[in-house]
Amino acid sequence: MEIVYPPVVGLAKTMFRVLDLRIKVEGAEHIPATGGAVLASNHASYLDFIFCGLGALPAKRLVRFMAKKSVFTHKVSGPLMRGMHHIPVDRRAGTAAFNEAEKALKNGEVVGVFPEATISESFTVKALKSGAARLAQAAAVPLIPMAVWGPHRLWTKGHPKDLTKRHVPVIIKIGEPIQVAAGATAEATTVVLRQRLSALLDAAQREYPEKPSGPDDRWWLPAHLGGTAPRPDSVGDATPAGA
């Protein structure tokens, strides 16, 4: 029985209404109504997990996110994370988290992963770790790419957070599931995943209904679209990541 998750979802929806966020979800039909799936998203904001979870609500699914252990030990976020049955990740001992996530997938849960591992300061898709692909293969479930664009304007790395900013558009795009073949390597699947994520994110960025209000507001656009975010090669976003 879910005691904590539904009220948290309700609180998030209330916050979205108060701020009048213009949220658009596309491709929710790609999330299965039943059975396990790995939901793999880009990572540009500290709020991404909220909007990734929102993207799964049309399918009536609650996503169990993998998140760093420190979030679970925090006095405020910890009880909520544990109550929503998210999965703590200790990067010094990642096997336990992998096993817990695999078990959840085999029990029919949707597990959320940010394969970039850290926020992309360039607002492009960083090199990915292979854990999402390995999980999907181990549990024999689909790997579903998702791109979120817009929440970084509220709170992201290296910029002051503004959780009172109103009318911010948020685009959530969910792509077709990647069916991981039994004989495929995790590295090959991760290459496909990065291509899919990049295509979804590029589409979301190009159709985004707002432009920077002036030169000082160009920080939230990637360099290749005329923004002042650092280029991938200047922040290590193009550096291959380990498993």
Protein backbone atom coordinates (compact mmCIF):
# COMPACT_ATOMS: atom_id res chain seq x y z
CA MET A 1 0.00 0.00 0.00
CA GLU A 2 1.32 3.43 -0.96
CA ILE A 3 1.06 5.81 2.01
CA VAL A 4 3.68 8.47 1.23
CA TYR A 5 3.90 8.63 -2.57
CA PRO A 6 0.32 9.80 -3.44
CA PRO A 7 0.37 12.79 -1.03
CA VAL A 8 3.78 13.84 -2.36
CA VAL A 9 2.43 13.68 -5.92
CA GLY A 10 -0.56 15.75 -4.84
CA LEU A 11 1.72 18.35 -3.23
CA ALA A 12 3.84 18.57 -6.39
CA LYS A 13 0.76 19.07 -8.55
CA THR A 14 -0.42 21.83 -6.24
CA MET A 15 2.96 23.55 -6.55
CA PHE A 16 2.77 23.30 -10.34
CA ARG A 17 -0.69 24.91 -10.31
CA VAL A 18 0.41 27.73 -7.98
CA LEU A 19 3.37 28.50 -10.24
CA ASP A 20 1.20 28.00 -13.33
CA LEU A 21 3.90 25.88 -14.97
CA ARG A 22 3.01 25.11 -18.57
CA ILE A 23 3.73 21.38 -18.63
CA LYS A 24 3.51 19.34 -21.83
CA VAL A 25 3.93 15.55 -21.76
CA GLU A 26 4.43 13.65 -25.03
CA GLY A 27 4.81 9.92 -25.51
CA ALA A 28 3.34 8.72 -22.19
CA GLU A 29 1.84 5.81 -24.11
CA HIS A 30 5.34 4.33 -24.35
CA ILE A 31 5.36 3.60 -20.62
CA PRO A 32 3.76 0.18 -20.07
CA ALA A 33 0.64 0.07 -17.89
CA THR A 34 1.98 -3.03 -16.15
CA GLY A 35 5.32 -4.77 -15.77
CA GLY A 36 8.84 -3.58 -15.21
CA ALA A 37 10.65 -0.90 -17.21
CA VAL A 38 13.74 1.26 -16.84
CA LEU A 39 13.01 4.95 -17.38
CA ALA A 40 16.23 6.74 -18.37
CA SER A 41 16.26 10.54 -18.44
CA ASN A 42 18.65 13.37 -19.20
CA HIS A 43 19.71 15.41 -16.18
CA ALA A 44 19.72 19.21 -16.33
CA SER A 45 17.99 20.17 -13.07
CA TYR A 46 17.75 19.24 -9.41
CA LEU A 47 13.98 18.92 -10.02
CA ASP A 48 14.17 16.40 -12.87
CA PHE A 49 12.98 13.43 -10.81
CA ILE A 50 9.73 15.26 -10.00
CA PHE A 51 8.95 15.84 -13.66
CA CYS A 52 10.08 12.37 -14.73
CA GLY A 53 7.63 10.98 -12.21
CA LEU A 54 4.95 13.30 -13.57
CA GLY A 55 5.57 11.95 -17.07
CA ALA A 56 4.68 8.45 -15.87
CA LEU A 57 1.39 9.44 -14.21
CA PRO A 58 -0.74 9.18 -17.40
CA ALA A 59 0.22 5.48 -17.41
CA LYS A 60 -0.73 5.36 -13.69
CA ARG A 61 2.79 4.30 -12.75
CA LEU A 62 4.86 5.38 -9.77
CA VAL A 63 8.57 5.52 -10.53
CA ARG A 64 11.18 4.24 -8.07
CA PHE A 65 14.19 6.47 -8.61
CA MET A 66 17.79 5.55 -7.98
CA ALA A 67 19.42 8.42 -6.07
CA LYS A 68 22.59 9.03 -4.11
CA LYS A 69 22.59 7.74 -0.56
CA SER A 70 23.01 11.17 1.02
CA VAL A 71 19.49 12.13 -0.07
CA PHE A 72 18.16 9.23 2.02
CA THR A 73 20.08 10.24 5.14
CA HIS A 74 18.97 13.89 5.02
CA LYS A 75 16.57 14.73 7.86
CA VAL A 76 13.94 16.22 5.51
CA SER A 77 14.24 14.31 2.24
CA GLY A 78 15.25 10.98 3.82
CA PRO A 79 11.87 9.95 5.27
CA LEU A 80 10.14 10.93 2.03
CA MET A 81 12.58 9.02 -0.17
CA ARG A 82 12.32 5.93 1.98
CA GLY A 83 8.54 6.23 2.19
CA MET A 84 8.27 6.37 -1.59
CA HIS A 85 10.49 3.27 -1.86
CA HIS A 86 13.16 4.93 -3.96
CA ILE A 87 16.51 3.15 -4.21
CA PRO A 88 19.63 4.52 -2.46
CA VAL A 89 22.91 4.33 -4.34
CA ASP A 90 26.21 4.15 -2.49
CA ARG A 91 28.77 4.75 -5.22
CA ARG A 92 31.42 2.93 -3.19
CA ALA A 93 29.22 -0.19 -3.13
CA GLY A 94 26.94 -0.01 -6.13
CA THR A 95 26.17 -3.73 -6.37
CA ALA A 96 23.57 -3.56 -3.59
CA ALA A 97 21.65 -0.78 -5.37
CA PHE A 98 21.83 -2.64 -8.68
CA ASN A 99 20.46 -5.80 -7.07
CA GLU A 100 17.64 -3.88 -5.36
CA ALA A 101 16.71 -2.17 -8.63
CA GLU A 102 16.79 -5.46 -10.53
CA LYS A 103 14.50 -7.02 -7.92
CA ALA A 104 12.07 -4.10 -8.21
CA LEU A 105 12.02 -4.43 -12.01
CA LYS A 106 11.33 -8.16 -11.84
CA ASN A 107 8.49 -7.38 -9.41
CA GLY A 108 6.91 -5.19 -12.07
CA GLU A 109 8.12 -1.76 -10.94
CA VAL A 110 9.26 1.17 -13.09
CA VAL A 111 12.75 2.22 -12.04
CA GLY A 112 14.01 5.72 -12.86
CA VAL A 113 17.69 6.27 -13.71
CA PHE A 114 19.73 9.34 -14.66
CA PRO A 115 22.52 7.65 -16.64
CA GLU A 116 24.56 10.86 -16.87
CA ALA A 117 24.98 10.47 -13.07
CA THR A 118 25.43 14.23 -12.59
CA ILE A 119 23.77 17.35 -13.94
CA SER A 120 24.91 18.36 -17.41
CA GLU A 121 26.12 21.96 -17.17
CA SER A 122 26.21 22.22 -20.97
CA PHE A 123 22.49 21.27 -21.19
CA THR A 124 23.37 18.59 -23.73
CA VAL A 125 23.44 14.85 -23.04
CA LYS A 126 26.68 13.88 -21.31
CA ALA A 127 28.44 10.58 -21.90
CA LEU A 128 26.33 7.94 -20.15
CA LYS A 129 27.14 5.28 -17.64
CA SER A 130 25.98 1.81 -18.67
CA GLY A 131 23.97 0.94 -15.57
CA ALA A 132 20.55 1.64 -17.12
CA ALA A 133 21.28 -0.69 -20.04
CA ARG A 134 22.67 -3.38 -17.73
CA LEU A 135 19.57 -3.19 -15.52
CA ALA A 136 17.17 -3.49 -18.46
CA GLN A 137 19.10 -6.47 -19.77
CA ALA A 138 19.39 -8.21 -16.40
CA ALA A 139 15.66 -7.86 -15.67
CA ALA A 140 14.58 -8.42 -19.30
CA VAL A 141 12.52 -5.20 -19.38
CA PRO A 142 12.30 -2.33 -21.88
CA LEU A 143 14.60 0.68 -21.61
CA ILE A 144 12.57 3.87 -22.11
CA PRO A 145 14.33 7.16 -22.96
CA MET A 146 12.91 10.41 -21.60
CA ALA A 147 13.95 14.05 -22.03
CA VAL A 148 12.93 16.85 -19.68
CA TRP A 149 13.50 20.49 -20.56
CA GLY A 150 12.54 23.60 -18.60
CA PRO A 151 12.95 22.84 -14.86
CA HIS A 152 16.61 23.91 -15.03
CA ARG A 153 15.31 27.50 -15.21
CA LEU A 154 14.06 27.01 -11.64
CA TRP A 155 17.01 25.18 -10.11
CA THR A 156 20.20 23.82 -11.61
CA LYS A 157 23.88 23.55 -10.85
CA GLY A 158 25.85 26.76 -10.76
CA HIS A 159 22.87 29.13 -10.76
CA PRO A 160 20.67 30.54 -7.98
CA LYS A 161 17.47 28.59 -7.49
CA ASP A 162 14.17 30.39 -8.04
CA LEU A 163 11.31 28.14 -6.97
CA THR A 164 8.88 31.07 -7.16
CA LYS A 165 9.32 31.71 -10.89
CA ARG A 166 5.92 31.47 -12.59
CA HIS A 167 4.67 30.39 -16.02
CA VAL A 168 7.80 28.42 -16.92
CA PRO A 169 7.17 25.97 -19.78
CA VAL A 170 8.24 22.37 -19.13
CA ILE A 171 8.44 19.82 -21.94
CA ILE A 172 8.61 16.10 -21.14
CA LYS A 173 9.22 13.80 -24.10
CA ILE A 174 9.10 10.02 -23.73
CA GLY A 175 10.52 7.95 -26.55
CA GLU A 176 9.79 4.49 -27.87
CA PRO A 177 11.13 1.67 -25.68
CA ILE A 178 14.50 0.19 -26.54
CA GLN A 179 14.14 -3.58 -26.46
CA VAL A 180 17.48 -4.81 -25.17
CA ALA A 181 18.54 -7.96 -27.01
CA ALA A 182 19.91 -10.77 -24.87
CA GLY A 183 23.18 -10.83 -26.79
CA ALA A 184 23.72 -7.08 -26.97
CA THR A 185 26.46 -5.50 -24.92
CA ALA A 186 25.54 -2.84 -22.38
CA GLU A 187 27.96 -0.49 -24.11
CA ALA A 188 26.21 -0.87 -27.48
CA THR A 189 22.80 -0.35 -25.89
CA THR A 190 24.12 2.73 -24.08
CA VAL A 191 25.22 4.22 -27.40
CA VAL A 192 21.67 3.78 -28.72
CA LEU A 193 20.23 5.26 -25.52
CA ARG A 194 22.41 8.36 -25.80
CA GLN A 195 21.36 8.84 -29.41
CA ARG A 196 17.67 8.58 -28.46
CA LEU A 197 18.05 10.92 -25.47
CA SER A 198 19.93 13.47 -27.56
CA ALA A 199 17.24 13.42 -30.26
CA LEU A 200 14.43 13.84 -27.71
CA LEU A 201 16.23 16.64 -25.90
CA ASP A 202 17.07 18.44 -29.15
CA ALA A 203 13.41 18.27 -30.21
CA ALA A 204 12.27 19.61 -26.83
CA GLN A 205 14.78 22.47 -26.94
CA ARG A 206 13.88 23.50 -30.49
CA GLU A 207 10.13 23.54 -29.87
CA TYR A 208 10.40 25.26 -26.50
CA PRO A 209 7.91 28.16 -26.59
CA GLU A 210 10.09 30.78 -24.84
CA LYS A 211 13.34 32.50 -25.72
CA PRO A 212 15.76 34.30 -23.39
CA SER A 213 14.49 37.75 -22.39
CA GLY A 214 17.87 39.35 -23.02
CA PRO A 215 21.64 38.76 -23.10
CA ASP A 216 21.81 38.04 -19.36
CA ASP A 217 19.06 35.43 -19.68
CA ARG A 218 20.83 33.29 -22.28
CA TRP A 219 22.46 31.13 -19.60
CA TRP A 220 19.71 28.48 -19.78
CA LEU A 221 20.27 27.71 -23.47
CA PRO A 222 23.02 25.37 -24.72
CA ALA A 223 25.82 26.97 -26.72
CA HIS A 224 24.79 25.37 -30.02
CA LEU A 225 21.42 27.16 -29.78
CA GLY A 226 22.98 30.52 -29.07
CA GLY A 227 23.06 30.27 -25.28
CA THR A 228 25.90 30.97 -22.89
CA ALA A 229 25.96 27.55 -21.21
CA PRO A 230 29.47 26.06 -21.39
CA ARG A 231 30.24 23.83 -24.34
CA PRO A 232 30.40 20.09 -23.59
CA ASP A 233 34.15 19.85 -24.11
CA SER A 234 34.78 22.63 -21.57
CA VAL A 235 32.97 20.93 -18.68
CA GLY A 236 33.79 17.29 -19.37
CA ASP A 237 30.32 16.47 -20.72
CA ALA A 238 31.87 14.76 -23.73
CA THR A 239 34.22 12.62 -21.69
CA PRO A 240 33.34 8.90 -21.79
CA ALA A 241 31.97 7.67 -18.48
CA GLY A 242 32.64 4.39 -16.74
CA ALA A 243 30.12 1.67 -16.03
